[in-house]
């Protein structure tokens, strides 16, 4: 990769994720005392746009990502009997959309691999415990997650490129959040 290509990529990232950029921003605020890990995802104006419905008392950790009308967009479910932590994201019809795997060995930074069925595979890396990480596709940053913007416990922002599927990236964020705790 040449210097010109890296410079163009950084310019594109600044236009998307920088101040006044075109990225869409979502706020994930988990409730401290909720049965089953239910919480709302709001847009940058504070309007509720998605609901994460965590299912309590199940053998496998399960979340449903729903729209405002309660229609299920996808199911995020922990896979058991795997060597490394794995969660599967399924569509409303039960078809697999993606699988999120934790990297086997990552000494300095936490890394995650996301195998997407109908699209490019994704990678997430950064300080997952502090919710400071980026999600990339084809060596291009498509989303960043940050808890640094907020002082409230279990509140963080997800900023994504406008051409990305918000349901998929928010489901990936919920999966990574659950596996990192």
C-alpha atoms as a PDB file:
ATOM      1  CA  UNK A   1       0.000   0.000   0.000  1.00  0.00           C
ATOM      2  CA  UNK A   2       1.488   3.282  -1.077  1.00  0.00           C
ATOM      3  CA  UNK A   3       1.578   6.580   0.722  1.00  0.00           C
ATOM      4  CA  UNK A   4      -1.085   8.039  -1.572  1.00  0.00           C
ATOM      5  CA  UNK A   5      -3.502   5.203  -0.797  1.00  0.00           C
ATOM      6  CA  UNK A   6      -3.050   5.570   2.963  1.00  0.00           C
ATOM      7  CA  UNK A   7      -3.512   9.322   2.729  1.00  0.00           C
ATOM      8  CA  UNK A   8      -6.728   8.884   0.713  1.00  0.00           C
ATOM      9  CA  UNK A   9      -8.045   6.324   3.237  1.00  0.00           C
ATOM     10  CA  UNK A  10      -7.336   8.651   6.182  1.00  0.00           C
ATOM     11  CA  UNK A  11      -9.054  11.531   4.356  1.00  0.00           C
ATOM     12  CA  UNK A  12     -12.108   9.328   3.749  1.00  0.00           C
ATOM     13  CA  UNK A  13     -12.177   8.312   7.441  1.00  0.00           C
ATOM     14  CA  UNK A  14     -12.011  11.961   8.550  1.00  0.00           C
ATOM     15  CA  UNK A  15     -14.870  12.872   6.215  1.00  0.00           C
ATOM     16  CA  UNK A  16     -16.958  10.023   7.598  1.00  0.00           C
ATOM     17  CA  UNK A  17     -15.978   9.809  11.283  1.00  0.00           C
ATOM     18  CA  UNK A  18     -14.532  13.258  11.959  1.00  0.00           C
ATOM     19  CA  UNK A  19     -16.285  16.306  13.378  1.00  0.00           C
ATOM     20  CA  UNK A  20     -19.330  17.063  11.200  1.00  0.00           C
ATOM     21  CA  UNK A  21     -18.832  13.794   9.299  1.00  0.00           C
ATOM     22  CA  UNK A  22     -21.466  11.719   7.573  1.00  0.00           C
ATOM     23  CA  UNK A  23     -21.375   8.793  10.018  1.00  0.00           C
ATOM     24  CA  UNK A  24     -24.568   7.680  11.745  1.00  0.00           C
ATOM     25  CA  UNK A  25     -24.339   7.674  15.531  1.00  0.00           C
ATOM     26  CA  UNK A  26     -26.199   5.319  17.852  1.00  0.00           C
ATOM     27  CA  UNK A  27     -26.229   5.346  21.646  1.00  0.00           C
ATOM     28  CA  UNK A  28     -26.371   2.031  23.494  1.00  0.00           C
ATOM     29  CA  UNK A  29     -27.368   2.495  27.121  1.00  0.00           C
ATOM     30  CA  UNK A  30     -27.784  -0.696  29.112  1.00  0.00           C
ATOM     31  CA  UNK A  31     -30.080  -0.648  32.112  1.00  0.00           C
ATOM     32  CA  UNK A  32     -28.366  -1.412  35.390  1.00  0.00           C
ATOM     33  CA  UNK A  33     -31.234  -3.405  36.883  1.00  0.00           C
ATOM     34  CA  UNK A  34     -33.117  -5.208  34.156  1.00  0.00           C
ATOM     35  CA  UNK A  35     -34.179  -8.812  33.891  1.00  0.00           C
ATOM     36  CA  UNK A  36     -32.701 -10.354  30.783  1.00  0.00           C
ATOM     37  CA  UNK A  37     -30.447  -7.439  29.718  1.00  0.00           C
ATOM     38  CA  UNK A  38     -33.081  -5.358  27.896  1.00  0.00           C
ATOM     39  CA  UNK A  39     -32.090  -1.920  26.618  1.00  0.00           C
ATOM     40  CA  UNK A  40     -32.844   0.636  23.925  1.00  0.00           C
ATOM     41  CA  UNK A  41     -30.571   1.917  21.181  1.00  0.00           C
ATOM     42  CA  UNK A  42     -31.090   5.582  20.358  1.00  0.00           C
ATOM     43  CA  UNK A  43     -30.035   7.662  17.361  1.00  0.00           C
ATOM     44  CA  UNK A  44     -28.036  10.887  17.598  1.00  0.00           C
ATOM     45  CA  UNK A  45     -31.201  12.908  18.310  1.00  0.00           C
ATOM     46  CA  UNK A  46     -32.093  10.704  21.278  1.00  0.00           C
ATOM     47  CA  UNK A  47     -34.964   8.872  19.539  1.00  0.00           C
ATOM     48  CA  UNK A  48     -35.332   5.188  20.269  1.00  0.00           C
ATOM     49  CA  UNK A  49     -34.729   3.215  17.067  1.00  0.00           C
ATOM     50  CA  UNK A  50     -33.904  -0.349  18.161  1.00  0.00           C
ATOM     51  CA  UNK A  51     -34.521  -2.500  21.219  1.00  0.00           C
ATOM     52  CA  UNK A  52     -32.267  -5.271  22.468  1.00  0.00           C
ATOM     53  CA  UNK A  53     -34.388  -7.881  24.213  1.00  0.00           C
ATOM     54  CA  UNK A  54     -32.168 -10.173  26.287  1.00  0.00           C
ATOM     55  CA  UNK A  55     -33.757 -13.492  27.092  1.00  0.00           C
ATOM     56  CA  UNK A  56     -33.307 -14.588  30.700  1.00  0.00           C
ATOM     57  CA  UNK A  57     -33.244 -18.146  31.988  1.00  0.00           C
ATOM     58  CA  UNK A  58     -32.037 -19.787  28.777  1.00  0.00           C
ATOM     59  CA  UNK A  59     -29.289 -22.360  28.394  1.00  0.00           C
ATOM     60  CA  UNK A  60     -27.594 -20.206  25.751  1.00  0.00           C
ATOM     61  CA  UNK A  61     -27.242 -16.448  26.067  1.00  0.00           C
ATOM     62  CA  UNK A  62     -29.777 -14.992  23.616  1.00  0.00           C
ATOM     63  CA  UNK A  63     -30.642 -11.466  22.487  1.00  0.00           C
ATOM     64  CA  UNK A  64     -33.225 -10.259  19.980  1.00  0.00           C
ATOM     65  CA  UNK A  65     -32.620  -7.007  18.093  1.00  0.00           C
ATOM     66  CA  UNK A  66     -36.037  -5.488  17.356  1.00  0.00           C
ATOM     67  CA  UNK A  67     -37.281  -2.351  15.651  1.00  0.00           C
ATOM     68  CA  UNK A  68     -39.644   0.169  17.261  1.00  0.00           C
ATOM     69  CA  UNK A  69     -42.703  -1.933  16.422  1.00  0.00           C
ATOM     70  CA  UNK A  70     -41.327  -5.042  18.126  1.00  0.00           C
ATOM     71  CA  UNK A  71     -40.506  -6.795  14.858  1.00  0.00           C
ATOM     72  CA  UNK A  72     -37.447  -9.013  15.247  1.00  0.00           C
ATOM     73  CA  UNK A  73     -34.584  -8.007  12.942  1.00  0.00           C
ATOM     74  CA  UNK A  74     -32.089 -10.594  14.150  1.00  0.00           C
ATOM     75  CA  UNK A  75     -31.234 -12.991  16.965  1.00  0.00           C
ATOM     76  CA  UNK A  76     -27.818 -13.031  18.625  1.00  0.00           C
ATOM     77  CA  UNK A  77     -27.097 -16.339  20.309  1.00  0.00           C
ATOM     78  CA  UNK A  78     -24.076 -17.820  22.073  1.00  0.00           C
ATOM     79  CA  UNK A  79     -22.698 -20.979  20.500  1.00  0.00           C
ATOM     80  CA  UNK A  80     -21.724 -23.665  22.986  1.00  0.00           C
ATOM     81  CA  UNK A  81     -19.098 -26.377  22.563  1.00  0.00           C
ATOM     82  CA  UNK A  82     -16.629 -24.138  20.698  1.00  0.00           C
ATOM     83  CA  UNK A  83     -12.937 -23.763  21.537  1.00  0.00           C
ATOM     84  CA  UNK A  84     -13.143 -19.979  21.434  1.00  0.00           C
ATOM     85  CA  UNK A  85     -16.027 -17.671  22.326  1.00  0.00           C
ATOM     86  CA  UNK A  86     -18.524 -17.614  19.462  1.00  0.00           C
ATOM     87  CA  UNK A  87     -21.909 -15.969  18.906  1.00  0.00           C
ATOM     88  CA  UNK A  88     -24.152 -16.435  15.903  1.00  0.00           C
ATOM     89  CA  UNK A  89     -26.360 -13.732  14.384  1.00  0.00           C
ATOM     90  CA  UNK A  90     -29.469 -15.056  12.652  1.00  0.00           C
ATOM     91  CA  UNK A  91     -32.071 -13.211  10.609  1.00  0.00           C
ATOM     92  CA  UNK A  92     -35.795 -13.193  11.441  1.00  0.00           C
ATOM     93  CA  UNK A  93     -36.246 -16.329   9.324  1.00  0.00           C
ATOM     94  CA  UNK A  94     -33.536 -18.230  11.238  1.00  0.00           C
ATOM     95  CA  UNK A  95     -30.933 -18.042   8.456  1.00  0.00           C
ATOM     96  CA  UNK A  96     -27.391 -17.280   9.569  1.00  0.00           C
ATOM     97  CA  UNK A  97     -26.262 -13.715   8.873  1.00  0.00           C
ATOM     98  CA  UNK A  98     -22.874 -13.775  10.621  1.00  0.00           C
ATOM     99  CA  UNK A  99     -20.726 -15.522  13.203  1.00  0.00           C
ATOM    100  CA  UNK A 100     -18.579 -13.545  15.657  1.00  0.00           C
ATOM    101  CA  UNK A 101     -15.398 -15.303  16.895  1.00  0.00           C
ATOM    102  CA  UNK A 102     -12.871 -14.144  19.442  1.00  0.00           C
ATOM    103  CA  UNK A 103      -9.273 -14.422  18.212  1.00  0.00           C
ATOM    104  CA  UNK A 104      -7.381 -17.318  19.753  1.00  0.00           C
ATOM    105  CA  UNK A 105      -4.230 -15.377  20.606  1.00  0.00           C
ATOM    106  CA  UNK A 106      -4.077 -11.615  20.887  1.00  0.00           C
ATOM    107  CA  UNK A 107      -1.453 -10.538  23.418  1.00  0.00           C
ATOM    108  CA  UNK A 108      -1.658  -6.751  23.126  1.00  0.00           C
ATOM    109  CA  UNK A 109      -5.085  -5.943  21.715  1.00  0.00           C
ATOM    110  CA  UNK A 110      -8.308  -7.850  21.666  1.00  0.00           C
ATOM    111  CA  UNK A 111      -9.392  -8.989  18.230  1.00  0.00           C
ATOM    112  CA  UNK A 112     -12.586 -10.445  16.848  1.00  0.00           C
ATOM    113  CA  UNK A 113     -13.368 -12.007  13.470  1.00  0.00           C
ATOM    114  CA  UNK A 114     -16.855 -11.670  12.001  1.00  0.00           C
ATOM    115  CA  UNK A 115     -17.740 -14.094   9.203  1.00  0.00           C
ATOM    116  CA  UNK A 116     -20.590 -12.502   7.226  1.00  0.00           C
ATOM    117  CA  UNK A 117     -22.626 -14.822   5.008  1.00  0.00           C
ATOM    118  CA  UNK A 118     -23.578 -12.363   2.217  1.00  0.00           C
ATOM    119  CA  UNK A 119     -20.847  -9.766   2.295  1.00  0.00           C
ATOM    120  CA  UNK A 120     -17.250  -9.096   3.181  1.00  0.00           C
ATOM    121  CA  UNK A 121     -15.925 -10.522   6.430  1.00  0.00           C
ATOM    122  CA  UNK A 122     -15.321  -8.003   9.201  1.00  0.00           C
ATOM    123  CA  UNK A 123     -12.645  -7.548  11.844  1.00  0.00           C
ATOM    124  CA  UNK A 124     -12.914  -5.764  15.167  1.00  0.00           C
ATOM    125  CA  UNK A 125      -9.902  -4.761  17.206  1.00  0.00           C
ATOM    126  CA  UNK A 126      -9.023  -2.438  19.991  1.00  0.00           C
ATOM    127  CA  UNK A 127      -9.519  -2.273  23.711  1.00  0.00           C
ATOM    128  CA  UNK A 128     -12.772  -4.228  23.931  1.00  0.00           C
ATOM    129  CA  UNK A 129     -12.936  -4.073  27.756  1.00  0.00           C
ATOM    130  CA  UNK A 130     -13.008  -0.270  27.645  1.00  0.00           C
ATOM    131  CA  UNK A 131     -15.305  -0.268  24.583  1.00  0.00           C
ATOM    132  CA  UNK A 132     -12.768   1.459  22.380  1.00  0.00           C
ATOM    133  CA  UNK A 133     -12.546  -0.458  19.130  1.00  0.00           C
ATOM    134  CA  UNK A 134     -12.983  -0.239  15.374  1.00  0.00           C
ATOM    135  CA  UNK A 135     -14.745  -2.550  12.967  1.00  0.00           C
ATOM    136  CA  UNK A 136     -13.183  -2.917   9.519  1.00  0.00           C
ATOM    137  CA  UNK A 137     -14.173  -4.488   6.211  1.00  0.00           C
ATOM    138  CA  UNK A 138     -11.619  -4.875   3.415  1.00  0.00           C
ATOM    139  CA  UNK A 139      -9.066  -2.780   5.384  1.00  0.00           C
ATOM    140  CA  UNK A 140     -11.555   0.114   5.576  1.00  0.00           C
ATOM    141  CA  UNK A 141     -12.973   1.382   8.880  1.00  0.00           C
ATOM    142  CA  UNK A 142     -16.753   1.065   8.762  1.00  0.00           C
ATOM    143  CA  UNK A 143     -17.595   1.616  12.443  1.00  0.00           C
ATOM    144  CA  UNK A 144     -16.097   2.671  15.729  1.00  0.00           C
ATOM    145  CA  UNK A 145     -17.384   2.018  19.219  1.00  0.00           C
ATOM    146  CA  UNK A 146     -16.451   4.297  22.083  1.00  0.00           C
ATOM    147  CA  UNK A 147     -17.326   4.493  25.737  1.00  0.00           C
ATOM    148  CA  UNK A 148     -15.000   7.482  26.066  1.00  0.00           C
ATOM    149  CA  UNK A 149     -17.789   9.874  25.024  1.00  0.00           C
ATOM    150  CA  UNK A 150     -19.828   9.062  28.150  1.00  0.00           C
ATOM    151  CA  UNK A 151     -19.254   8.957  31.876  1.00  0.00           C
ATOM    152  CA  UNK A 152     -22.380   6.922  32.657  1.00  0.00           C
ATOM    153  CA  UNK A 153     -21.794   3.247  33.371  1.00  0.00           C
ATOM    154  CA  UNK A 154     -22.563   0.862  30.489  1.00  0.00           C
ATOM    155  CA  UNK A 155     -23.238   3.632  27.977  1.00  0.00           C
ATOM    156  CA  UNK A 156     -21.329   3.874  24.741  1.00  0.00           C
ATOM    157  CA  UNK A 157     -21.643   5.223  21.234  1.00  0.00           C
ATOM    158  CA  UNK A 158     -21.517   3.372  17.949  1.00  0.00           C
ATOM    159  CA  UNK A 159     -20.560   5.468  14.955  1.00  0.00           C
ATOM    160  CA  UNK A 160     -20.881   3.834  11.524  1.00  0.00           C
ATOM    161  CA  UNK A 161     -20.434   4.730   7.892  1.00  0.00           C
ATOM    162  CA  UNK A 162     -23.719   5.675   6.182  1.00  0.00           C
ATOM    163  CA  UNK A 163     -23.495   2.834   3.644  1.00  0.00           C
ATOM    164  CA  UNK A 164     -23.503   0.113   6.335  1.00  0.00           C
ATOM    165  CA  UNK A 165     -26.350  -2.033   7.670  1.00  0.00           C
ATOM    166  CA  UNK A 166     -27.075  -0.686  11.176  1.00  0.00           C
ATOM    167  CA  UNK A 167     -28.830  -3.868  12.344  1.00  0.00           C
ATOM    168  CA  UNK A 168     -25.819  -6.042  11.500  1.00  0.00           C
ATOM    169  CA  UNK A 169     -23.235  -3.730  13.071  1.00  0.00           C
ATOM    170  CA  UNK A 170     -25.321  -3.157  16.198  1.00  0.00           C
ATOM    171  CA  UNK A 171     -25.842  -6.933  16.526  1.00  0.00           C
ATOM    172  CA  UNK A 172     -22.066  -7.430  16.206  1.00  0.00           C
ATOM    173  CA  UNK A 173     -21.542  -4.780  18.895  1.00  0.00           C
ATOM    174  CA  UNK A 174     -24.006  -6.522  21.244  1.00  0.00           C
ATOM    175  CA  UNK A 175     -22.251  -9.862  20.635  1.00  0.00           C
ATOM    176  CA  UNK A 176     -18.781  -8.450  21.316  1.00  0.00           C
ATOM    177  CA  UNK A 177     -20.054  -6.620  24.406  1.00  0.00           C
ATOM    178  CA  UNK A 178     -21.559  -9.798  25.809  1.00  0.00           C
ATOM    179  CA  UNK A 179     -18.507 -11.951  25.091  1.00  0.00           C
ATOM    180  CA  UNK A 180     -16.091  -9.413  26.567  1.00  0.00           C
ATOM    181  CA  UNK A 181     -17.867  -9.297  29.957  1.00  0.00           C
END
